[in-house]
Amino acid sequence: MFYYLIAIFVILLDQITKWLIVSNMYLGESIPIIDNVLYITSHRNRGAAWGILQGQMWLFYVITIVVIVGIMYYMYKAAKGKWLLGVSLAFMLGGAIGNFIDRLLRKEVVDFIHTYIFSYNFPVFNIADSALVIGVILLMIQMLRDERETKEKTYGENGTHHS
């Protein structure tokens, strides 16, 4: 249940911030937070990451539903006793649902976090996108931990094989 609360928090934060952007900024408006680094920019995306697959809403609906069901199943089956796995899946679930809500209600995703990283104009993104990235990073950490545990069980802590 705790993991679903994290997902709900992500969804609410994502939707509230998007509502604030849509309600208070015109499309294309940009507010500098840190010059040449971070801006709040009102942007819309009808595709996926970096604007790929523009206008393919039916594809996004199908993929997102499959992903949401898969995450929830995996959360139920594999996250018991693995808090980091549960948290990573909760972030991914919240992020997937956050952008899914936009696609269903607006037929586009509201993006607003605009960064320049080492002078690279990074594509504008949102809280849901950030949650997805955080979830994937946490999942990778969990996978590395699992791999290390497996090696320790197989070879012992000093690296020698136990029969």
Protein backbone atom coordinates (compact mmCIF):
# COMPACT_ATOMS: atom_id res chain seq x y z
CA MET A 1 0.00 0.00 0.00
CA PHE A 2 2.87 2.37 0.84
CA TYR A 3 4.15 2.12 -2.73
CA TYR A 4 0.77 3.16 -4.12
CA LEU A 5 0.84 6.24 -1.86
CA ILE A 6 4.16 7.23 -3.46
CA ALA A 7 2.62 6.78 -6.92
CA ILE A 8 -0.42 8.88 -5.91
CA PHE A 9 1.87 11.61 -4.55
CA VAL A 10 3.79 11.67 -7.86
CA ILE A 11 0.54 11.83 -9.86
CA LEU A 12 -0.87 14.67 -7.73
CA LEU A 13 2.37 16.69 -7.83
CA ASP A 14 2.60 16.15 -11.59
CA GLN A 15 -1.00 17.14 -12.29
CA ILE A 16 -0.97 20.16 -9.95
CA THR A 17 2.20 21.54 -11.52
CA LYS A 18 0.83 21.00 -15.03
CA TRP A 19 -2.44 22.71 -14.06
CA LEU A 20 -0.46 25.68 -12.72
CA ILE A 21 1.47 25.95 -15.99
CA VAL A 22 -1.64 25.71 -18.19
CA SER A 23 -3.58 28.16 -15.99
CA ASN A 24 -0.88 30.80 -15.55
CA MET A 25 1.39 30.75 -18.59
CA TYR A 26 0.82 31.09 -22.29
CA LEU A 27 2.28 28.47 -24.62
CA GLY A 28 5.95 29.24 -25.25
CA GLU A 29 6.30 31.59 -22.28
CA SER A 30 9.52 31.07 -20.34
CA ILE A 31 10.45 32.22 -16.85
CA PRO A 32 14.15 32.16 -15.93
CA ILE A 33 14.91 30.49 -12.59
CA ILE A 34 18.71 30.27 -13.03
CA ASP A 35 19.91 32.11 -16.16
CA ASN A 36 21.40 29.80 -18.80
CA VAL A 37 20.59 26.73 -16.63
CA LEU A 38 16.95 26.37 -15.57
CA TYR A 39 13.70 27.85 -16.90
CA ILE A 40 10.01 27.19 -16.44
CA THR A 41 8.77 27.05 -20.04
CA SER A 42 5.20 26.28 -21.09
CA HIS A 43 5.52 23.56 -23.73
CA ARG A 44 3.30 20.81 -25.16
CA ASN A 45 4.31 17.45 -26.57
CA ARG A 46 2.07 15.21 -28.69
CA GLY A 47 4.73 12.53 -28.91
CA ALA A 48 7.04 10.60 -26.62
CA ALA A 49 10.48 11.53 -25.31
CA TRP A 50 12.19 14.18 -27.43
CA GLY A 51 8.96 14.54 -29.40
CA ILE A 52 9.27 11.25 -31.27
CA LEU A 53 6.14 9.54 -32.64
CA GLN A 54 4.14 12.78 -32.78
CA GLY A 55 0.37 12.25 -32.85
CA GLN A 56 0.42 8.46 -32.30
CA MET A 57 -2.00 8.65 -29.34
CA TRP A 58 -3.51 5.18 -29.86
CA LEU A 59 0.00 3.69 -29.60
CA PHE A 60 0.69 5.60 -26.37
CA TYR A 61 -2.64 4.46 -24.89
CA VAL A 62 -1.92 0.79 -25.58
CA ILE A 63 1.73 0.91 -24.47
CA THR A 64 0.93 2.86 -21.30
CA ILE A 65 -1.88 0.52 -20.26
CA VAL A 66 0.41 -2.49 -20.76
CA VAL A 67 3.20 -0.75 -18.80
CA ILE A 68 0.87 0.23 -15.93
CA VAL A 69 -0.53 -3.30 -15.63
CA GLY A 70 2.99 -4.75 -15.82
CA ILE A 71 4.34 -2.42 -13.12
CA MET A 72 1.39 -3.17 -10.82
CA TYR A 73 1.79 -6.92 -11.35
CA TYR A 74 5.54 -6.74 -10.72
CA MET A 75 4.95 -4.57 -7.66
CA TYR A 76 2.55 -7.17 -6.28
CA LYS A 77 4.73 -10.18 -7.10
CA ALA A 78 8.33 -9.03 -6.66
CA ALA A 79 8.42 -5.99 -4.36
CA LYS A 80 7.56 -7.84 -1.15
CA GLY A 81 10.51 -7.37 1.19
CA LYS A 82 12.40 -5.27 -1.37
CA TRP A 83 11.64 -1.66 -0.45
CA LEU A 84 13.94 -0.17 -3.09
CA LEU A 85 12.27 -2.19 -5.84
CA GLY A 86 8.85 -1.12 -4.57
CA VAL A 87 9.83 2.55 -4.45
CA SER A 88 11.34 2.40 -7.95
CA LEU A 89 8.19 0.82 -9.35
CA ALA A 90 6.03 3.38 -7.50
CA PHE A 91 7.92 6.26 -9.13
CA MET A 92 7.57 4.63 -12.55
CA LEU A 93 3.87 3.94 -11.97
CA GLY A 94 3.18 7.52 -10.90
CA GLY A 95 5.11 8.91 -13.85
CA ALA A 96 3.39 6.66 -16.38
CA ILE A 97 -0.07 7.51 -15.03
CA GLY A 98 0.72 11.24 -14.83
CA ASN A 99 1.55 11.49 -18.53
CA PHE A 100 -1.29 9.09 -19.40
CA ILE A 101 -3.80 11.47 -17.78
CA ASP A 102 -2.50 14.28 -20.00
CA ARG A 103 -2.79 12.18 -23.13
CA LEU A 104 -6.34 11.15 -22.25
CA LEU A 105 -7.63 14.58 -21.20
CA ARG A 106 -5.56 16.98 -23.33
CA LYS A 107 -4.38 14.79 -26.24
CA GLU A 108 -0.88 16.14 -25.45
CA VAL A 109 1.55 16.20 -22.53
CA VAL A 110 2.26 19.44 -20.65
CA ASP A 111 6.00 19.95 -20.20
CA PHE A 112 7.62 22.86 -18.37
CA ILE A 113 11.03 22.06 -16.87
CA HIS A 114 13.57 23.47 -19.30
CA THR A 115 17.28 23.01 -18.63
CA TYR A 116 20.57 23.77 -20.29
CA ILE A 117 23.10 21.18 -19.16
CA PHE A 118 26.66 22.18 -20.09
CA SER A 119 25.10 24.52 -22.70
CA TYR A 120 23.05 21.62 -24.18
CA ASN A 121 19.41 22.67 -24.62
CA PHE A 122 17.79 19.61 -23.02
CA PRO A 123 14.22 18.78 -24.17
CA VAL A 124 11.53 20.28 -21.93
CA PHE A 125 10.10 17.74 -19.47
CA ASN A 126 7.78 17.46 -16.44
CA ILE A 127 7.40 15.86 -13.00
CA ALA A 128 6.07 12.59 -14.47
CA ASP A 129 9.13 12.31 -16.73
CA SER A 130 11.40 13.01 -13.75
CA ALA A 131 9.64 10.32 -11.70
CA LEU A 132 10.12 7.80 -14.52
CA VAL A 133 13.86 8.56 -14.67
CA ILE A 134 14.22 8.36 -10.88
CA GLY A 135 12.33 5.05 -10.91
CA VAL A 136 14.59 3.58 -13.59
CA ILE A 137 17.74 4.69 -11.73
CA LEU A 138 16.46 3.14 -8.49
CA LEU A 139 15.56 -0.05 -10.38
CA MET A 140 19.11 -0.24 -11.77
CA ILE A 141 20.51 0.16 -8.24
CA GLN A 142 18.21 -2.64 -7.04
CA MET A 143 19.35 -4.88 -9.90
CA LEU A 144 23.02 -4.24 -9.02
CA ARG A 145 22.30 -5.06 -5.37
CA ASP A 146 20.52 -8.28 -6.39
CA GLU A 147 23.44 -9.26 -8.62
CA ARG A 148 25.93 -8.63 -5.82
CA GLU A 149 23.84 -10.71 -3.38
CA THR A 150 23.68 -13.57 -5.88
CA LYS A 151 27.45 -13.49 -6.37
CA GLU A 152 28.05 -13.42 -2.61
CA LYS A 153 25.78 -16.44 -2.14
CA THR A 154 27.50 -18.31 -4.94
CA TYR A 155 31.12 -17.34 -4.35
CA GLY A 156 31.13 -16.04 -0.80
CA GLU A 157 32.27 -12.62 0.30
CA ASN A 158 35.93 -13.32 -0.46
CA GLY A 159 35.19 -14.43 -4.02
CA THR A 160 35.89 -18.15 -3.62
CA HIS A 161 33.38 -20.73 -4.79
CA HIS A 162 31.42 -22.67 -2.14
CA SER A 163 30.15 -26.14 -2.94
